[in-house]
Amino acid sequence: MWRCRDCGAVFEEPDCEEVCYERECGVRSLFSDRHYRTDSVCPVCGDYDIREIDEDELEDEEEEE
């Protein structure tokens, strides 16, 4: 299980987004080639600030409510 720290959504698997290093750093025009990485993102809001949680943690939170 995963949780988004931005919107609070809980989900089974994050979405994946391909990110260009040069574009992200604002130097795309300085280089002729591109380098990419794949980041995990929240499937609800698209934010990168997600973390993996275990089911026990989720159950504890539900009991507190």
Protein backbone atom coordinates (compact mmCIF):
# COMPACT_ATOMS: atom_id res chain seq x y z
CA MET A 1 0.00 0.00 0.00
CA TRP A 2 1.06 3.56 -0.68
CA ARG A 3 -0.01 6.96 0.64
CA CYS A 4 0.31 10.37 -0.95
CA ARG A 5 1.54 13.00 1.47
CA ASP A 6 -0.05 15.74 -0.61
CA CYS A 7 -3.66 14.59 -1.07
CA GLY A 8 -3.76 11.74 1.49
CA ALA A 9 -4.92 9.12 -1.02
CA VAL A 10 -4.16 5.47 -0.23
CA PHE A 11 -3.56 3.19 -3.22
CA GLU A 12 -2.17 -0.24 -4.14
CA GLU A 13 0.43 0.83 -6.72
CA PRO A 14 1.74 4.23 -7.78
CA ASP A 15 1.65 5.43 -11.37
CA CYS A 16 4.94 5.86 -13.21
CA GLU A 17 6.04 9.01 -14.98
CA GLU A 18 9.05 9.37 -17.25
CA VAL A 19 11.08 12.50 -16.41
CA CYS A 20 13.82 14.12 -18.51
CA TYR A 21 16.74 15.22 -16.30
CA GLU A 22 17.74 18.08 -18.59
CA ARG A 23 14.22 19.49 -18.80
CA GLU A 24 13.67 19.20 -15.05
CA CYS A 25 16.89 21.11 -14.37
CA GLY A 26 16.14 23.76 -17.01
CA VAL A 27 19.20 23.00 -19.15
CA ARG A 28 17.55 21.13 -22.03
CA SER A 29 18.83 23.57 -24.66
CA LEU A 30 22.44 23.09 -23.52
CA PHE A 31 22.62 19.40 -24.45
CA SER A 32 21.89 17.52 -27.66
CA ASP A 33 20.96 14.26 -25.93
CA ARG A 34 18.43 13.43 -23.21
CA HIS A 35 18.57 11.30 -20.09
CA TYR A 36 15.41 9.91 -18.51
CA ARG A 37 14.35 8.31 -15.28
CA THR A 38 11.04 6.83 -14.15
CA ASP A 39 9.48 8.26 -10.99
CA SER A 40 6.57 6.92 -8.97
CA VAL A 41 3.67 9.35 -8.59
CA CYS A 42 0.26 9.43 -6.92
CA PRO A 43 -2.43 8.15 -9.32
CA VAL A 44 -4.93 10.64 -7.84
CA CYS A 45 -3.10 13.98 -7.89
CA GLY A 46 0.19 13.19 -9.70
CA ASP A 47 2.41 14.37 -6.82
CA TYR A 48 5.84 12.79 -6.24
CA ASP A 49 5.62 12.93 -2.44
CA ILE A 50 4.41 9.39 -1.79
CA ARG A 51 5.54 6.73 0.63
CA GLU A 52 5.00 3.04 1.07
CA ILE A 53 2.98 2.02 4.13
CA ASP A 54 2.25 -1.39 5.57
CA GLU A 55 -1.28 -2.66 6.17
CA ASP A 56 -0.78 -2.63 9.96
CA GLU A 57 -0.14 1.10 9.86
CA LEU A 58 -3.30 1.62 7.81
CA GLU A 59 -5.36 -0.51 10.23
CA ASP A 60 -4.01 1.45 13.22
CA GLU A 61 -5.07 4.73 11.61
CA GLU A 62 -8.55 3.38 10.89
CA GLU A 63 -8.94 2.28 14.53
CA GLU A 64 -7.97 5.77 15.76
CA GLU A 65 -10.79 7.37 13.74
